[in-house]
PDB file of N, CA and C in Angstrom:
ATOM      1  N   MET A   1     -50.489  37.921 231.574  1.00  0.00           N
ATOM      2  CA  MET A   1     -51.496  38.953 231.384  1.00  0.00           C
ATOM      3  C   MET A   1     -51.049  40.226 232.088  1.00  0.00           C
ATOM      4  N   ALA A   2     -51.066  41.337 231.365  1.00  0.00           N
ATOM      5  CA  ALA A   2     -50.652  42.618 231.913  1.00  0.00           C
ATOM      6  C   ALA A   2     -51.757  43.214 232.783  1.00  0.00           C
ATOM      7  N   VAL A   3     -51.340  43.867 233.828  1.00  0.00           N
ATOM      8  CA  VAL A   3     -52.286  44.545 234.715  1.00  0.00           C
ATOM      9  C   VAL A   3     -51.936  46.033 234.697  1.00  0.00           C
ATOM     10  N   TYR A   4     -52.940  46.874 234.498  1.00  0.00           N
ATOM     11  CA  TYR A   4     -52.734  48.319 234.446  1.00  0.00           C
ATOM     12  C   TYR A   4     -53.477  48.975 235.594  1.00  0.00           C
ATOM     13  N   GLY A   5     -52.893  49.967 236.188  1.00  0.00           N
ATOM     14  CA  GLY A   5     -53.543  50.692 237.267  1.00  0.00           C
ATOM     15  C   GLY A   5     -53.325  52.187 237.102  1.00  0.00           C
ATOM     16  N   PHE A   6     -54.267  52.956 237.598  1.00  0.00           N
ATOM     17  CA  PHE A   6     -54.175  54.408 237.551  1.00  0.00           C
ATOM     18  C   PHE A   6     -54.387  54.945 238.943  1.00  0.00           C
ATOM     19  N   ASP A   7     -53.600  55.943 239.302  1.00  0.00           N
ATOM     20  CA  ASP A   7     -53.875  56.619 240.565  1.00  0.00           C
ATOM     21  C   ASP A   7     -54.989  57.640 240.330  1.00  0.00           C
ATOM     22  N   GLN A   8     -55.485  58.259 241.377  1.00  0.00           N
ATOM     23  CA  GLN A   8     -56.620  59.186 241.265  1.00  0.00           C
ATOM     24  C   GLN A   8     -56.290  60.379 240.378  1.00  0.00           C
ATOM     25  N   ALA A   9     -55.084  60.910 240.475  1.00  0.00           N
ATOM     26  CA  ALA A   9     -54.707  62.065 239.654  1.00  0.00           C
ATOM     27  C   ALA A   9     -54.689  61.695 238.169  1.00  0.00           C
ATOM     28  N   SER A  10     -54.189  60.505 237.834  1.00  0.00           N
ATOM     29  CA  SER A  10     -54.171  60.064 236.436  1.00  0.00           C
ATOM     30  C   SER A  10     -55.584  59.878 235.903  1.00  0.00           C
ATOM     31  N   ALA A  11     -56.439  59.280 236.709  1.00  0.00           N
ATOM     32  CA  ALA A  11     -57.832  59.077 236.292  1.00  0.00           C
ATOM     33  C   ALA A  11     -58.525  60.419 236.060  1.00  0.00           C
ATOM     34  N   GLN A  12     -58.280  61.409 236.906  1.00  0.00           N
ATOM     35  CA  GLN A  12     -58.865  62.741 236.752  1.00  0.00           C
ATOM     36  C   GLN A  12     -58.373  63.398 235.466  1.00  0.00           C
ATOM     37  N   ARG A  13     -57.060  63.299 235.201  1.00  0.00           N
ATOM     38  CA  ARG A  13     -56.474  63.882 233.999  1.00  0.00           C
ATOM     39  C   ARG A  13     -57.069  63.253 232.740  1.00  0.00           C
ATOM     40  N   ILE A  14     -57.229  61.953 232.727  1.00  0.00           N
ATOM     41  CA  ILE A  14     -57.821  61.261 231.576  1.00  0.00           C
ATOM     42  C   ILE A  14     -59.275  61.684 231.393  1.00  0.00           C
ATOM     43  N   GLY A  15     -60.019  61.763 232.488  1.00  0.00           N
ATOM     44  CA  GLY A  15     -61.423  62.205 232.418  1.00  0.00           C
ATOM     45  C   GLY A  15     -61.553  63.617 231.887  1.00  0.00           C
ATOM     46  N   ASP A  16     -60.666  64.526 232.351  1.00  0.00           N
ATOM     47  CA  ASP A  16     -60.691  65.916 231.860  1.00  0.00           C
ATOM     48  C   ASP A  16     -60.417  65.974 230.356  1.00  0.00           C
ATOM     49  N   ALA A  17     -59.454  65.171 229.894  1.00  0.00           N
ATOM     50  CA  ALA A  17     -59.138  65.153 228.463  1.00  0.00           C
ATOM     51  C   ALA A  17     -60.329  64.664 227.645  1.00  0.00           C
ATOM     52  N   ILE A  18     -60.993  63.647 228.127  1.00  0.00           N
ATOM     53  CA  ILE A  18     -62.167  63.116 227.415  1.00  0.00           C
ATOM     54  C   ILE A  18     -63.278  64.161 227.358  1.00  0.00           C
ATOM     55  N   ARG A  19     -63.537  64.839 228.482  1.00  0.00           N
ATOM     56  CA  ARG A  19     -64.592  65.860 228.497  1.00  0.00           C
ATOM     57  C   ARG A  19     -64.260  67.006 227.540  1.00  0.00           C
ATOM     58  N   ARG A  20     -62.983  67.402 227.444  1.00  0.00           N
ATOM     59  CA  ARG A  20     -62.596  68.461 226.514  1.00  0.00           C
ATOM     60  C   ARG A  20     -62.819  68.036 225.069  1.00  0.00           C
ATOM     61  N   VAL A  21     -62.422  66.829 224.749  1.00  0.00           N
ATOM     62  CA  VAL A  21     -62.573  66.334 223.385  1.00  0.00           C
ATOM     63  C   VAL A  21     -64.041  66.196 223.021  1.00  0.00           C
ATOM     64  N   GLU A  22     -64.866  65.779 223.963  1.00  0.00           N
ATOM     65  CA  GLU A  22     -66.292  65.592 223.700  1.00  0.00           C
ATOM     66  C   GLU A  22     -67.083  66.889 223.836  1.00  0.00           C
ATOM     67  N   GLY A  23     -66.438  68.001 224.172  1.00  0.00           N
ATOM     68  CA  GLY A  23     -67.093  69.303 224.207  1.00  0.00           C
ATOM     69  C   GLY A  23     -67.868  69.600 225.467  1.00  0.00           C
ATOM     70  N   ARG A  24     -67.491  69.006 226.579  1.00  0.00           N
ATOM     71  CA  ARG A  24     -68.170  69.287 227.839  1.00  0.00           C
ATOM     72  C   ARG A  24     -67.291  70.182 228.694  1.00  0.00           C
ATOM     73  N   ARG A  25     -67.921  70.885 229.652  1.00  0.00           N
ATOM     74  CA  ARG A  25     -67.154  71.718 230.580  1.00  0.00           C
ATOM     75  C   ARG A  25     -66.285  70.852 231.465  1.00  0.00           C
ATOM     76  N   VAL A  26     -65.139  71.350 231.811  1.00  0.00           N
ATOM     77  CA  VAL A  26     -64.241  70.659 232.716  1.00  0.00           C
ATOM     78  C   VAL A  26     -64.338  71.346 234.063  1.00  0.00           C
ATOM     79  N   GLY A  27     -64.901  70.657 235.035  1.00  0.00           N
ATOM     80  CA  GLY A  27     -65.043  71.233 236.362  1.00  0.00           C
ATOM     81  C   GLY A  27     -65.847  72.511 236.303  1.00  0.00           C
ATOM     82  N   SER A  28     -65.356  73.557 236.968  1.00  0.00           N
ATOM     83  CA  SER A  28     -66.053  74.843 236.972  1.00  0.00           C
ATOM     84  C   SER A  28     -65.309  75.864 236.120  1.00  0.00           C
ATOM     85  N   ARG A  29     -64.570  75.388 235.110  1.00  0.00           N
ATOM     86  CA  ARG A  29     -63.781  76.273 234.270  1.00  0.00           C
ATOM     87  C   ARG A  29     -64.662  77.265 233.535  1.00  0.00           C
ATOM     88  N   GLU A  30     -64.299  78.537 233.605  1.00  0.00           N
ATOM     89  CA  GLU A  30     -65.005  79.575 232.868  1.00  0.00           C
ATOM     90  C   GLU A  30     -64.455  79.629 231.447  1.00  0.00           C
ATOM     91  N   VAL A  31     -65.226  80.216 230.538  1.00  0.00           N
ATOM     92  CA  VAL A  31     -64.741  80.408 229.177  1.00  0.00           C
ATOM     93  C   VAL A  31     -63.614  81.433 229.214  1.00  0.00           C
ATOM     94  N   LEU A  32     -62.492  81.084 228.623  1.00  0.00           N
ATOM     95  CA  LEU A  32     -61.327  81.974 228.615  1.00  0.00           C
ATOM     96  C   LEU A  32     -61.527  83.115 227.636  1.00  0.00           C
ATOM     97  N   PRO A  33     -60.956  84.290 227.915  1.00  0.00           N
ATOM     98  CA  PRO A  33     -61.062  85.400 226.968  1.00  0.00           C
ATOM     99  C   PRO A  33     -60.581  85.028 225.570  1.00  0.00           C
ATOM    100  N   SER A  34     -59.583  84.148 225.476  1.00  0.00           N
ATOM    101  CA  SER A  34     -59.082  83.750 224.160  1.00  0.00           C
ATOM    102  C   SER A  34     -60.111  82.933 223.387  1.00  0.00           C
ATOM    103  N   GLU A  35     -61.129  82.395 224.080  1.00  0.00           N
ATOM    104  CA  GLU A  35     -62.159  81.601 223.423  1.00  0.00           C
ATOM    105  C   GLU A  35     -63.335  82.461 222.960  1.00  0.00           C
ATOM    106  N   VAL A  36     -63.405  83.704 223.411  1.00  0.00           N
ATOM    107  CA  VAL A  36     -64.504  84.579 223.061  1.00  0.00           C
ATOM    108  C   VAL A  36     -64.361  85.016 221.609  1.00  0.00           C
ATOM    109  N   GLY A  37     -65.482  85.040 220.888  1.00  0.00           N
ATOM    110  CA  GLY A  37     -65.454  85.468 219.497  1.00  0.00           C
ATOM    111  C   GLY A  37     -65.358  84.312 218.536  1.00  0.00           C
ATOM    112  N   ARG A  38     -65.212  83.121 219.066  1.00  0.00           N
ATOM    113  CA  ARG A  38     -65.232  81.927 218.222  1.00  0.00           C
ATOM    114  C   ARG A  38     -66.049  80.883 218.960  1.00  0.00           C
ATOM    115  N   ASN A  39     -66.334  79.804 218.337  1.00  0.00           N
ATOM    116  CA  ASN A  39     -67.165  78.778 218.948  1.00  0.00           C
ATOM    117  C   ASN A  39     -66.364  78.027 219.998  1.00  0.00           C
ATOM    118  N   ALA A  40     -66.354  78.548 221.227  1.00  0.00           N
ATOM    119  CA  ALA A  40     -65.631  77.921 222.313  1.00  0.00           C
ATOM    120  C   ALA A  40     -66.292  76.596 222.682  1.00  0.00           C
ATOM    121  N   VAL A  41     -65.497  75.620 223.031  1.00  0.00           N
ATOM    122  CA  VAL A  41     -66.011  74.308 223.376  1.00  0.00           C
ATOM    123  C   VAL A  41     -66.988  74.421 224.537  1.00  0.00           C
ATOM    124  N   GLY A  42     -68.166  73.872 224.370  1.00  0.00           N
ATOM    125  CA  GLY A  42     -69.149  73.831 225.438  1.00  0.00           C
ATOM    126  C   GLY A  42     -69.996  75.076 225.591  1.00  0.00           C
ATOM    127  N   VAL A  43     -69.765  76.120 224.810  1.00  0.00           N
ATOM    128  CA  VAL A  43     -70.551  77.345 224.957  1.00  0.00           C
ATOM    129  C   VAL A  43     -71.944  77.127 224.387  1.00  0.00           C
ATOM    130  N   ARG A  44     -72.939  77.321 225.203  1.00  0.00           N
ATOM    131  CA  ARG A  44     -74.320  77.245 224.759  1.00  0.00           C
ATOM    132  C   ARG A  44     -74.978  78.620 224.836  1.00  0.00           C
ATOM    133  N   CYS A  45     -74.790  79.273 225.982  1.00  0.00           N
ATOM    134  CA  CYS A  45     -75.409  80.573 226.210  1.00  0.00           C
ATOM    135  C   CYS A  45     -74.567  81.311 227.240  1.00  0.00           C
ATOM    136  N   MET A  46     -74.328  82.599 226.989  1.00  0.00           N
ATOM    137  CA  MET A  46     -73.568  83.426 227.915  1.00  0.00           C
ATOM    138  C   MET A  46     -74.429  84.610 228.336  1.00  0.00           C
ATOM    139  N   ILE A  47     -74.188  85.098 229.541  1.00  0.00           N
ATOM    140  CA  ILE A  47     -74.902  86.256 230.075  1.00  0.00           C
ATOM    141  C   ILE A  47     -74.002  87.482 229.918  1.00  0.00           C
ATOM    142  N   GLY A  48     -74.608  88.588 229.520  1.00  0.00           N
ATOM    143  CA  GLY A  48     -73.846  89.816 229.355  1.00  0.00           C
ATOM    144  C   GLY A  48     -74.704  91.029 229.614  1.00  0.00           C
ATOM    145  N   GLN A  49     -74.126  92.192 229.415  1.00  0.00           N
ATOM    146  CA  GLN A  49     -74.852  93.447 229.542  1.00  0.00           C
ATOM    147  C   GLN A  49     -74.579  94.315 228.328  1.00  0.00           C
ATOM    148  N   ILE A  50     -75.613  95.109 227.974  1.00  0.00           N
ATOM    149  CA  ILE A  50     -75.485  96.101 226.919  1.00  0.00           C
ATOM    150  C   ILE A  50     -75.754  97.466 227.533  1.00  0.00           C
ATOM    151  N   SER A  51     -75.390  98.517 226.831  1.00  0.00           N
ATOM    152  CA  SER A  51     -75.596  99.875 227.332  1.00  0.00           C
ATOM    153  C   SER A  51     -77.075 100.250 227.254  1.00  0.00           C
ATOM    154  N   THR A  52     -77.365 101.499 227.569  1.00  0.00           N
ATOM    155  CA  THR A  52     -78.748 101.994 227.512  1.00  0.00           C
ATOM    156  C   THR A  52     -79.170 102.375 226.094  1.00  0.00           C
ATOM    157  N   ALA A  53     -78.232 102.376 225.155  1.00  0.00           N
ATOM    158  CA  ALA A  53     -78.525 102.790 223.775  1.00  0.00           C
ATOM    159  C   ALA A  53     -79.436 101.779 223.076  1.00  0.00           C
ATOM    160  N   ALA A  54     -80.165 102.259 222.084  1.00  0.00           N
ATOM    161  CA  ALA A  54     -81.018 101.380 221.269  1.00  0.00           C
ATOM    162  C   ALA A  54     -80.131 100.446 220.448  1.00  0.00           C
ATOM    163  N   TRP A  55     -80.682  99.257 220.133  1.00  0.00           N
ATOM    164  CA  TRP A  55     -79.972  98.283 219.305  1.00  0.00           C
ATOM    165  C   TRP A  55     -80.952  97.786 218.254  1.00  0.00           C
ATOM    166  N   SER A  56     -80.775  98.195 217.027  1.00  0.00           N
ATOM    167  CA  SER A  56     -81.702  97.867 215.941  1.00  0.00           C
ATOM    168  C   SER A  56     -81.488  96.452 215.434  1.00  0.00           C
ATOM    169  N   LYS A  57     -82.602  95.844 215.045  1.00  0.00           N
ATOM    170  CA  LYS A  57     -82.568  94.533 214.412  1.00  0.00           C
ATOM    171  C   LYS A  57     -81.670  94.614 213.172  1.00  0.00           C
ATOM    172  N   GLU A  58     -80.968  93.514 212.880  1.00  0.00           N
ATOM    173  CA  GLU A  58     -80.071  93.389 211.727  1.00  0.00           C
ATOM    174  C   GLU A  58     -78.822  94.265 211.850  1.00  0.00           C
ATOM    175  N   ASN A  59     -78.399  94.531 213.099  1.00  0.00           N
ATOM    176  CA  ASN A  59     -77.174  95.280 213.360  1.00  0.00           C
ATOM    177  C   ASN A  59     -76.382  94.609 214.471  1.00  0.00           C
ATOM    178  N   SER A  60     -75.083  94.880 214.485  1.00  0.00           N
ATOM    179  CA  SER A  60     -74.217  94.365 215.540  1.00  0.00           C
ATOM    180  C   SER A  60     -74.183  95.342 216.698  1.00  0.00           C
ATOM    181  N   GLY A  61     -73.892  94.817 217.876  1.00  0.00           N
ATOM    182  CA  GLY A  61     -73.761  95.651 219.065  1.00  0.00           C
ATOM    183  C   GLY A  61     -72.707  95.081 219.992  1.00  0.00           C
ATOM    184  N   THR A  62     -72.282  95.877 220.949  1.00  0.00           N
ATOM    185  CA  THR A  62     -71.257  95.468 221.902  1.00  0.00           C
ATOM    186  C   THR A  62     -71.904  94.880 223.146  1.00  0.00           C
ATOM    187  N   VAL A  63     -71.397  93.725 223.578  1.00  0.00           N
ATOM    188  CA  VAL A  63     -71.893  93.036 224.770  1.00  0.00           C
ATOM    189  C   VAL A  63     -70.706  92.773 225.694  1.00  0.00           C
ATOM    190  N   THR A  64     -70.860  93.098 226.979  1.00  0.00           N
ATOM    191  CA  THR A  64     -69.858  92.761 227.978  1.00  0.00           C
ATOM    192  C   THR A  64     -70.292  91.478 228.659  1.00  0.00           C
ATOM    193  N   LEU A  65     -69.485  90.424 228.556  1.00  0.00           N
ATOM    194  CA  LEU A  65     -69.813  89.133 229.164  1.00  0.00           C
ATOM    195  C   LEU A  65     -69.510  89.146 230.652  1.00  0.00           C
ATOM    196  N   TYR A  66     -70.304  88.366 231.419  1.00  0.00           N
ATOM    197  CA  TYR A  66     -70.136  88.237 232.862  1.00  0.00           C
ATOM    198  C   TYR A  66     -70.103  86.767 233.240  1.00  0.00           C
ATOM    199  N   SER A  67     -69.370  86.470 234.318  1.00  0.00           N
ATOM    200  CA  SER A  67     -69.369  85.127 234.878  1.00  0.00           C
ATOM    201  C   SER A  67     -69.537  85.243 236.388  1.00  0.00           C
ATOM    202  N   GLY A  68     -69.837  84.134 237.024  1.00  0.00           N
ATOM    203  CA  GLY A  68     -69.995  84.121 238.472  1.00  0.00           C
ATOM    204  C   GLY A  68     -71.418  83.828 238.884  1.00  0.00           C
ATOM    205  N   GLN A  69     -71.602  83.665 240.167  1.00  0.00           N
ATOM    206  CA  GLN A  69     -72.908  83.378 240.738  1.00  0.00           C
ATOM    207  C   GLN A  69     -73.822  84.602 240.619  1.00  0.00           C
ATOM    208  N   PRO A  70     -75.138  84.398 240.447  1.00  0.00           N
ATOM    209  CA  PRO A  70     -76.068  85.529 240.397  1.00  0.00           C
ATOM    210  C   PRO A  70     -75.914  86.425 241.630  1.00  0.00           C
ATOM    211  N   GLY A  71     -75.786  87.705 241.376  1.00  0.00           N
ATOM    212  CA  GLY A  71     -75.608  88.680 242.443  1.00  0.00           C
ATOM    213  C   GLY A  71     -74.156  89.029 242.712  1.00  0.00           C
ATOM    214  N   SER A  72     -73.228  88.206 242.223  1.00  0.00           N
ATOM    215  CA  SER A  72     -71.801  88.497 242.408  1.00  0.00           C
ATOM    216  C   SER A  72     -71.040  88.237 241.104  1.00  0.00           C
ATOM    217  N   GLU A  73     -71.621  88.699 240.010  1.00  0.00           N
ATOM    218  CA  GLU A  73     -71.006  88.524 238.691  1.00  0.00           C
ATOM    219  C   GLU A  73     -69.830  89.489 238.518  1.00  0.00           C
ATOM    220  N   SER A  74     -68.921  89.111 237.638  1.00  0.00           N
ATOM    221  CA  SER A  74     -67.832  90.018 237.279  1.00  0.00           C
ATOM    222  C   SER A  74     -67.626  89.937 235.768  1.00  0.00           C
ATOM    223  N   SER A  75     -67.264  91.080 235.174  1.00  0.00           N
ATOM    224  CA  SER A  75     -67.087  91.115 233.722  1.00  0.00           C
ATOM    225  C   SER A  75     -65.816  90.352 233.344  1.00  0.00           C
ATOM    226  N   VAL A  76     -65.887  89.659 232.189  1.00  0.00           N
ATOM    227  CA  VAL A  76     -64.747  88.853 231.754  1.00  0.00           C
ATOM    228  C   VAL A  76     -64.239  89.215 230.367  1.00  0.00           C
ATOM    229  N   GLU A  77     -65.104  89.788 229.518  1.00  0.00           N
ATOM    230  CA  GLU A  77     -64.699  90.059 228.135  1.00  0.00           C
ATOM    231  C   GLU A  77     -65.772  90.885 227.452  1.00  0.00           C
ATOM    232  N   THR A  78     -65.391  91.575 226.391  1.00  0.00           N
ATOM    233  CA  THR A  78     -66.336  92.310 225.558  1.00  0.00           C
ATOM    234  C   THR A  78     -66.316  91.697 224.166  1.00  0.00           C
ATOM    235  N   LEU A  79     -67.494  91.590 223.548  1.00  0.00           N
ATOM    236  CA  LEU A  79     -67.591  91.002 222.213  1.00  0.00           C
ATOM    237  C   LEU A  79     -68.631  91.740 221.391  1.00  0.00           C
ATOM    238  N   SER A  80     -68.659  91.439 220.118  1.00  0.00           N
ATOM    239  CA  SER A  80     -69.657  91.986 219.211  1.00  0.00           C
ATOM    240  C   SER A  80     -70.637  90.875 218.864  1.00  0.00           C
ATOM    241  N   ALA A  81     -71.939  91.165 218.978  1.00  0.00           N
ATOM    242  CA  ALA A  81     -72.981  90.185 218.663  1.00  0.00           C
ATOM    243  C   ALA A  81     -73.944  90.782 217.645  1.00  0.00           C
ATOM    244  N   TYR A  82     -74.603  89.920 216.906  1.00  0.00           N
ATOM    245  CA  TYR A  82     -75.537  90.349 215.869  1.00  0.00           C
ATOM    246  C   TYR A  82     -76.966  90.154 216.354  1.00  0.00           C
ATOM    247  N   ASN A  83     -77.820  91.130 216.102  1.00  0.00           N
ATOM    248  CA  ASN A  83     -79.221  91.104 216.517  1.00  0.00           C
ATOM    249  C   ASN A  83     -80.093  90.716 215.319  1.00  0.00           C
ATOM    250  N   TYR A  84     -80.564  89.479 215.288  1.00  0.00           N
ATOM    251  CA  TYR A  84     -81.426  88.992 214.211  1.00  0.00           C
ATOM    252  C   TYR A  84     -82.916  89.242 214.471  1.00  0.00           C
ATOM    253  N   PHE A  85     -83.330  89.457 215.718  1.00  0.00           N
ATOM    254  CA  PHE A  85     -84.717  89.240 216.087  1.00  0.00           C
ATOM    255  C   PHE A  85     -85.614  90.462 216.277  1.00  0.00           C
ATOM    256  N   ALA A  86     -85.177  91.494 216.974  1.00  0.00           N
ATOM    257  CA  ALA A  86     -86.096  92.598 217.276  1.00  0.00           C
ATOM    258  C   ALA A  86     -85.329  93.878 217.596  1.00  0.00           C
ATOM    259  N   ASP A  87     -85.970  95.026 217.336  1.00  0.00           N
ATOM    260  CA  ASP A  87     -85.401  96.314 217.740  1.00  0.00           C
ATOM    261  C   ASP A  87     -85.456  96.411 219.262  1.00  0.00           C
ATOM    262  N   ILE A  88     -84.357  96.841 219.855  1.00  0.00           N
ATOM    263  CA  ILE A  88     -84.300  97.041 221.304  1.00  0.00           C
ATOM    264  C   ILE A  88     -84.236  98.545 221.530  1.00  0.00           C
ATOM    265  N   PRO A  89     -85.265  99.114 222.188  1.00  0.00           N
ATOM    266  CA  PRO A  89     -85.303 100.569 222.356  1.00  0.00           C
ATOM    267  C   PRO A  89     -84.299 101.065 223.400  1.00  0.00           C
ATOM    268  N   THR A  90     -84.114 102.379 223.435  1.00  0.00           N
ATOM    269  CA  THR A  90     -83.285 103.012 224.451  1.00  0.00           C
ATOM    270  C   THR A  90     -83.857 102.688 225.819  1.00  0.00           C
ATOM    271  N   SER A  91     -82.992 102.507 226.799  1.00  0.00           N
ATOM    272  CA  SER A  91     -83.409 102.124 228.146  1.00  0.00           C
ATOM    273  C   SER A  91     -83.146 103.248 229.143  1.00  0.00           C
ATOM    274  N   THR A  92     -83.936 103.269 230.203  1.00  0.00           N
ATOM    275  CA  THR A  92     -83.698 104.213 231.294  1.00  0.00           C
ATOM    276  C   THR A  92     -82.794 103.605 232.357  1.00  0.00           C
ATOM    277  N   ASN A  93     -82.541 102.284 232.294  1.00  0.00           N
ATOM    278  CA  ASN A  93     -81.620 101.617 233.224  1.00  0.00           C
ATOM    279  C   ASN A  93     -80.182 101.961 232.862  1.00  0.00           C
ATOM    280  N   THR A  94     -79.265 101.711 233.777  1.00  0.00           N
ATOM    281  CA  THR A  94     -77.851 101.963 233.495  1.00  0.00           C
ATOM    282  C   THR A  94     -77.289 100.943 232.511  1.00  0.00           C
ATOM    283  N   ALA A  95     -77.787  99.716 232.542  1.00  0.00           N
ATOM    284  CA  ALA A  95     -77.379  98.659 231.611  1.00  0.00           C
ATOM    285  C   ALA A  95     -78.460  97.588 231.638  1.00  0.00           C
ATOM    286  N   ARG A  96     -78.490  96.788 230.583  1.00  0.00           N
ATOM    287  CA  ARG A  96     -79.505  95.720 230.510  1.00  0.00           C
ATOM    288  C   ARG A  96     -78.828  94.371 230.334  1.00  0.00           C
ATOM    289  N   TRP A  97     -79.356  93.357 231.021  1.00  0.00           N
ATOM    290  CA  TRP A  97     -78.850  91.999 230.881  1.00  0.00           C
ATOM    291  C   TRP A  97     -79.326  91.417 229.558  1.00  0.00           C
ATOM    292  N   VAL A  98     -78.450  90.637 228.929  1.00  0.00           N
ATOM    293  CA  VAL A  98     -78.794  89.951 227.688  1.00  0.00           C
ATOM    294  C   VAL A  98     -78.239  88.526 227.728  1.00  0.00           C
ATOM    295  N   ALA A  99     -78.766  87.690 226.846  1.00  0.00           N
ATOM    296  CA  ALA A  99     -78.226  86.349 226.634  1.00  0.00           C
ATOM    297  C   ALA A  99     -77.716  86.294 225.198  1.00  0.00           C
ATOM    298  N   VAL A 100     -76.494  85.790 225.015  1.00  0.00           N
ATOM    299  CA  VAL A 100     -75.911  85.633 223.691  1.00  0.00           C
ATOM    300  C   VAL A 100     -75.394  84.205 223.543  1.00  0.00           C
ATOM    301  N   SER A 101     -75.280  83.782 222.306  1.00  0.00           N
ATOM    302  CA  SER A 101     -74.751  82.453 222.028  1.00  0.00           C
ATOM    303  C   SER A 101     -73.907  82.512 220.762  1.00  0.00           C
ATOM    304  N   ASN A 102     -73.017  81.553 220.626  1.00  0.00           N
ATOM    305  CA  ASN A 102     -72.179  81.475 219.432  1.00  0.00           C
ATOM    306  C   ASN A 102     -72.671  80.313 218.588  1.00  0.00           C
ATOM    307  N   ASN A 103     -73.049  80.600 217.340  1.00  0.00           N
ATOM    308  CA  ASN A 103     -73.585  79.561 216.456  1.00  0.00           C
ATOM    309  C   ASN A 103     -72.496  78.905 215.611  1.00  0.00           C
ATOM    310  N   GLY A 104     -71.249  79.153 215.909  1.00  0.00           N
ATOM    311  CA  GLY A 104     -70.149  78.606 215.138  1.00  0.00           C
ATOM    312  C   GLY A 104     -69.622  79.573 214.090  1.00  0.00           C
ATOM    313  N   PHE A 105     -70.400  80.594 213.785  1.00  0.00           N
ATOM    314  CA  PHE A 105     -69.994  81.606 212.807  1.00  0.00           C
ATOM    315  C   PHE A 105     -69.829  82.968 213.454  1.00  0.00           C
ATOM    316  N   GLY A 106     -70.373  83.152 214.642  1.00  0.00           N
ATOM    317  CA  GLY A 106     -70.284  84.415 215.357  1.00  0.00           C
ATOM    318  C   GLY A 106     -71.294  84.451 216.493  1.00  0.00           C
ATOM    319  N   TRP A 107     -71.234  85.510 217.277  1.00  0.00           N
ATOM    320  CA  TRP A 107     -72.137  85.676 218.422  1.00  0.00           C
ATOM    321  C   TRP A 107     -73.456  86.281 217.974  1.00  0.00           C
ATOM    322  N   ILE A 108     -74.564  85.770 218.541  1.00  0.00           N
ATOM    323  CA  ILE A 108     -75.895  86.301 218.236  1.00  0.00           C
ATOM    324  C   ILE A 108     -76.632  86.608 219.543  1.00  0.00           C
ATOM    325  N   LEU A 109     -77.459  87.650 219.487  1.00  0.00           N
ATOM    326  CA  LEU A 109     -78.288  88.033 220.623  1.00  0.00           C
ATOM    327  C   LEU A 109     -79.488  87.096 220.705  1.00  0.00           C
ATOM    328  N   LEU A 110     -79.747  86.510 221.874  1.00  0.00           N
ATOM    329  CA  LEU A 110     -80.898  85.622 222.055  1.00  0.00           C
ATOM    330  C   LEU A 110     -82.050  86.304 222.784  1.00  0.00           C
ATOM    331  N   ALA A 111     -81.718  87.108 223.790  1.00  0.00           N
ATOM    332  CA  ALA A 111     -82.749  87.756 224.606  1.00  0.00           C
ATOM    333  C   ALA A 111     -82.167  89.002 225.246  1.00  0.00           C
ATOM    334  N   ALA A 112     -83.060  89.960 225.579  1.00  0.00           N
ATOM    335  CA  ALA A 112     -82.630  91.203 226.225  1.00  0.00           C
ATOM    336  C   ALA A 112     -83.615  91.598 227.305  1.00  0.00           C
ATOM    337  N   GLU A 113     -83.105  92.127 228.388  1.00  0.00           N
ATOM    338  CA  GLU A 113     -83.930  92.621 229.495  1.00  0.00           C
ATOM    339  C   GLU A 113     -84.721  93.840 229.028  1.00  0.00           C
ATOM    340  N   CYS A 114     -85.982  93.911 229.414  1.00  0.00           N
ATOM    341  CA  CYS A 114     -86.848  95.031 229.056  1.00  0.00           C
ATOM    342  C   CYS A 114     -87.028  95.950 230.263  1.00  0.00           C
ATOM    343  N   ASP A 115     -87.294  97.227 230.014  1.00  0.00           N
ATOM    344  CA  ASP A 115     -87.601  98.174 231.097  1.00  0.00           C
ATOM    345  C   ASP A 115     -88.971  97.870 231.672  1.00  0.00           C
TER     346      ASP A 115
END
């Protein structure tokens, strides 16, 4: 009877491969810029910012994505998202936080910060 053993590094590598194949995040890995604009594995919702300009329903707009802990975020990529839901008026803030998600066909706006 054969006996198989794995060291800790091998077990970690196998676990990471399984999580990638099953679409789960691996450790604290951030979404890579090369994954932006397509349905990146494990992407459910991303936080970003939009400018102060108005964004009309049924139009695309530019969103800058951010990663990191709340209060110490840093920008990682810019993308185009589509607004299906509501007109967003001009803002008096310097920028507004938004939530976007990728539905497998492109990025869509889910929510926007109000003044």
